[in-house]
Amino acid sequence: MIPLIGGAIGLFAATVNAVGIGATAGMGYGLGRKYGRKMCEFAETMESRMINLITTPPE
């Protein structure tokens, strides 16, 4: 009876660990996409500003 309880507790702990790892990986992926997109948009904005400064003839 005791090995059965120990096995059930071990299985529960392994399940909680697997779900925690999956949640952490999913959150990391989502945050990486979010902030990566923001950094890319910022870089593109700065690039277009620099191009406009260089190509705009002085008045």
N, C-alpha and C. Protein backbone atom coordinates (compact mmCIF):
# COMPACT_ATOMS: atom_id res chain seq x y z
N MET A 1 0.82 -1.20 0.00
CA MET A 1 0.00 0.00 0.00
C MET A 1 0.87 1.27 0.00
N ILE A 2 1.95 1.25 0.80
CA ILE A 2 2.81 2.43 0.88
C ILE A 2 3.52 2.69 -0.45
N PRO A 3 4.03 1.66 -1.17
CA PRO A 3 4.64 1.95 -2.48
C PRO A 3 3.63 2.56 -3.47
N LEU A 4 2.37 2.18 -3.38
CA LEU A 4 1.35 2.73 -4.25
C LEU A 4 1.14 4.22 -3.97
N ILE A 5 1.11 4.59 -2.71
CA ILE A 5 0.96 6.00 -2.34
C ILE A 5 2.19 6.79 -2.77
N GLY A 6 3.38 6.21 -2.55
CA GLY A 6 4.61 6.87 -2.97
C GLY A 6 4.67 7.06 -4.48
N GLY A 7 4.21 6.07 -5.23
CA GLY A 7 4.18 6.17 -6.68
C GLY A 7 3.20 7.23 -7.15
N ALA A 8 2.06 7.33 -6.48
CA ALA A 8 1.06 8.34 -6.85
C ALA A 8 1.59 9.74 -6.57
N ILE A 9 2.28 9.91 -5.45
CA ILE A 9 2.87 11.21 -5.12
C ILE A 9 3.97 11.55 -6.11
N GLY A 10 4.78 10.57 -6.48
CA GLY A 10 5.84 10.79 -7.46
C GLY A 10 5.27 11.16 -8.82
N LEU A 11 4.21 10.49 -9.24
CA LEU A 11 3.57 10.80 -10.51
C LEU A 11 2.97 12.20 -10.48
N PHE A 12 2.36 12.58 -9.37
CA PHE A 12 1.80 13.93 -9.22
C PHE A 12 2.90 14.98 -9.30
N ALA A 13 4.02 14.74 -8.63
CA ALA A 13 5.13 15.69 -8.66
C ALA A 13 5.71 15.81 -10.07
N ALA A 14 5.83 14.71 -10.79
CA ALA A 14 6.34 14.75 -12.16
C ALA A 14 5.39 15.51 -13.08
N THR A 15 4.09 15.32 -12.86
CA THR A 15 3.10 16.02 -13.67
C THR A 15 3.14 17.52 -13.42
N VAL A 16 3.22 17.92 -12.16
CA VAL A 16 3.31 19.35 -11.82
C VAL A 16 4.59 19.94 -12.42
N ASN A 17 5.69 19.22 -12.36
CA ASN A 17 6.95 19.68 -12.93
C ASN A 17 6.83 19.86 -14.44
N ALA A 18 6.23 18.90 -15.14
CA ALA A 18 6.09 18.98 -16.59
C ALA A 18 5.19 20.15 -16.99
N VAL A 19 4.10 20.35 -16.28
CA VAL A 19 3.19 21.46 -16.58
C VAL A 19 3.90 22.79 -16.31
N GLY A 20 4.67 22.85 -15.25
CA GLY A 20 5.41 24.08 -14.95
C GLY A 20 6.45 24.41 -16.01
N ILE A 21 7.17 23.41 -16.48
CA ILE A 21 8.16 23.62 -17.54
C ILE A 21 7.47 24.07 -18.82
N GLY A 22 6.35 23.44 -19.16
CA GLY A 22 5.61 23.83 -20.36
C GLY A 22 5.09 25.25 -20.27
N ALA A 23 4.58 25.64 -19.11
CA ALA A 23 4.07 26.99 -18.94
C ALA A 23 5.19 28.02 -19.03
N THR A 24 6.32 27.71 -18.44
CA THR A 24 7.47 28.63 -18.51
C THR A 24 7.96 28.78 -19.94
N ALA A 25 8.04 27.68 -20.66
CA ALA A 25 8.49 27.74 -22.06
C ALA A 25 7.51 28.54 -22.91
N GLY A 26 6.22 28.33 -22.71
CA GLY A 26 5.21 29.08 -23.46
C GLY A 26 5.26 30.56 -23.16
N MET A 27 5.44 30.90 -21.89
CA MET A 27 5.51 32.31 -21.51
C MET A 27 6.77 32.95 -22.09
N GLY A 28 7.88 32.25 -22.06
CA GLY A 28 9.12 32.77 -22.63
C GLY A 28 9.00 32.99 -24.13
N TYR A 29 8.35 32.07 -24.81
CA TYR A 29 8.15 32.20 -26.25
C TYR A 29 7.27 33.42 -26.55
N GLY A 30 6.19 33.57 -25.81
CA GLY A 30 5.28 34.69 -26.03
C GLY A 30 5.93 36.03 -25.75
N LEU A 31 6.66 36.12 -24.66
CA LEU A 31 7.34 37.38 -24.34
C LEU A 31 8.44 37.69 -25.36
N GLY A 32 9.14 36.66 -25.81
CA GLY A 32 10.17 36.87 -26.82
C GLY A 32 9.59 37.40 -28.12
N ARG A 33 8.45 36.87 -28.53
CA ARG A 33 7.79 37.37 -29.74
C ARG A 33 7.34 38.81 -29.56
N LYS A 34 6.75 39.10 -28.39
CA LYS A 34 6.21 40.44 -28.14
C LYS A 34 7.32 41.49 -28.17
N TYR A 35 8.35 41.28 -27.37
CA TYR A 35 9.40 42.28 -27.29
C TYR A 35 10.31 42.27 -28.51
N GLY A 36 10.45 41.13 -29.17
CA GLY A 36 11.20 41.08 -30.42
C GLY A 36 10.51 41.90 -31.50
N ARG A 37 9.19 41.81 -31.56
CA ARG A 37 8.44 42.60 -32.53
C ARG A 37 8.57 44.09 -32.23
N LYS A 38 8.49 44.45 -30.95
CA LYS A 38 8.63 45.87 -30.57
C LYS A 38 10.02 46.41 -30.94
N MET A 39 11.06 45.62 -30.70
CA MET A 39 12.41 46.05 -31.04
C MET A 39 12.57 46.18 -32.55
N CYS A 40 11.98 45.28 -33.30
CA CYS A 40 12.06 45.34 -34.77
C CYS A 40 11.34 46.58 -35.29
N GLU A 41 10.16 46.87 -34.76
CA GLU A 41 9.42 48.06 -35.19
C GLU A 41 10.20 49.33 -34.84
N PHE A 42 10.82 49.37 -33.68
CA PHE A 42 11.61 50.53 -33.28
C PHE A 42 12.79 50.72 -34.22
N ALA A 43 13.47 49.63 -34.55
CA ALA A 43 14.62 49.71 -35.46
C ALA A 43 14.18 50.19 -36.84
N GLU A 44 13.05 49.71 -37.33
CA GLU A 44 12.55 50.15 -38.62
C GLU A 44 12.17 51.63 -38.60
N THR A 45 11.59 52.09 -37.50
CA THR A 45 11.24 53.51 -37.37
C THR A 45 12.49 54.37 -37.39
N MET A 46 13.51 53.96 -36.64
CA MET A 46 14.76 54.73 -36.62
C MET A 46 15.42 54.73 -38.00
N GLU A 47 15.36 53.59 -38.68
CA GLU A 47 15.94 53.51 -40.02
C GLU A 47 15.23 54.48 -40.98
N SER A 48 13.91 54.49 -40.95
CA SER A 48 13.18 55.39 -41.85
C SER A 48 13.44 56.85 -41.51
N ARG A 49 13.59 57.17 -40.23
CA ARG A 49 13.92 58.55 -39.84
C ARG A 49 15.29 58.95 -40.37
N MET A 50 16.25 58.07 -40.24
CA MET A 50 17.60 58.37 -40.73
C MET A 50 17.61 58.53 -42.25
N ILE A 51 16.88 57.69 -42.96
CA ILE A 51 16.82 57.79 -44.40
C ILE A 51 16.16 59.12 -44.80
N ASN A 52 15.10 59.50 -44.10
CA ASN A 52 14.44 60.78 -44.40
C ASN A 52 15.37 61.96 -44.14
N LEU A 53 16.16 61.88 -43.09
CA LEU A 53 17.11 62.98 -42.81
C LEU A 53 18.19 63.09 -43.88
N ILE A 54 18.63 61.93 -44.38
CA ILE A 54 19.70 61.93 -45.37
C ILE A 54 19.19 62.32 -46.75
N THR A 55 18.03 61.81 -47.13
CA THR A 55 17.54 62.05 -48.50
C THR A 55 16.76 63.34 -48.67
N THR A 56 16.29 63.95 -47.60
CA THR A 56 15.52 65.19 -47.72
C THR A 56 16.47 66.34 -48.04
N PRO A 57 16.23 67.03 -49.15
CA PRO A 57 17.11 68.15 -49.50
C PRO A 57 16.87 69.34 -48.56
N PRO A 58 17.90 70.06 -48.19
CA PRO A 58 17.72 71.24 -47.32
C PRO A 58 16.94 72.32 -48.04
N GLU A 59 16.11 73.01 -47.31
CA GLU A 59 15.29 74.05 -47.92
C GLU A 59 15.84 75.43 -47.64
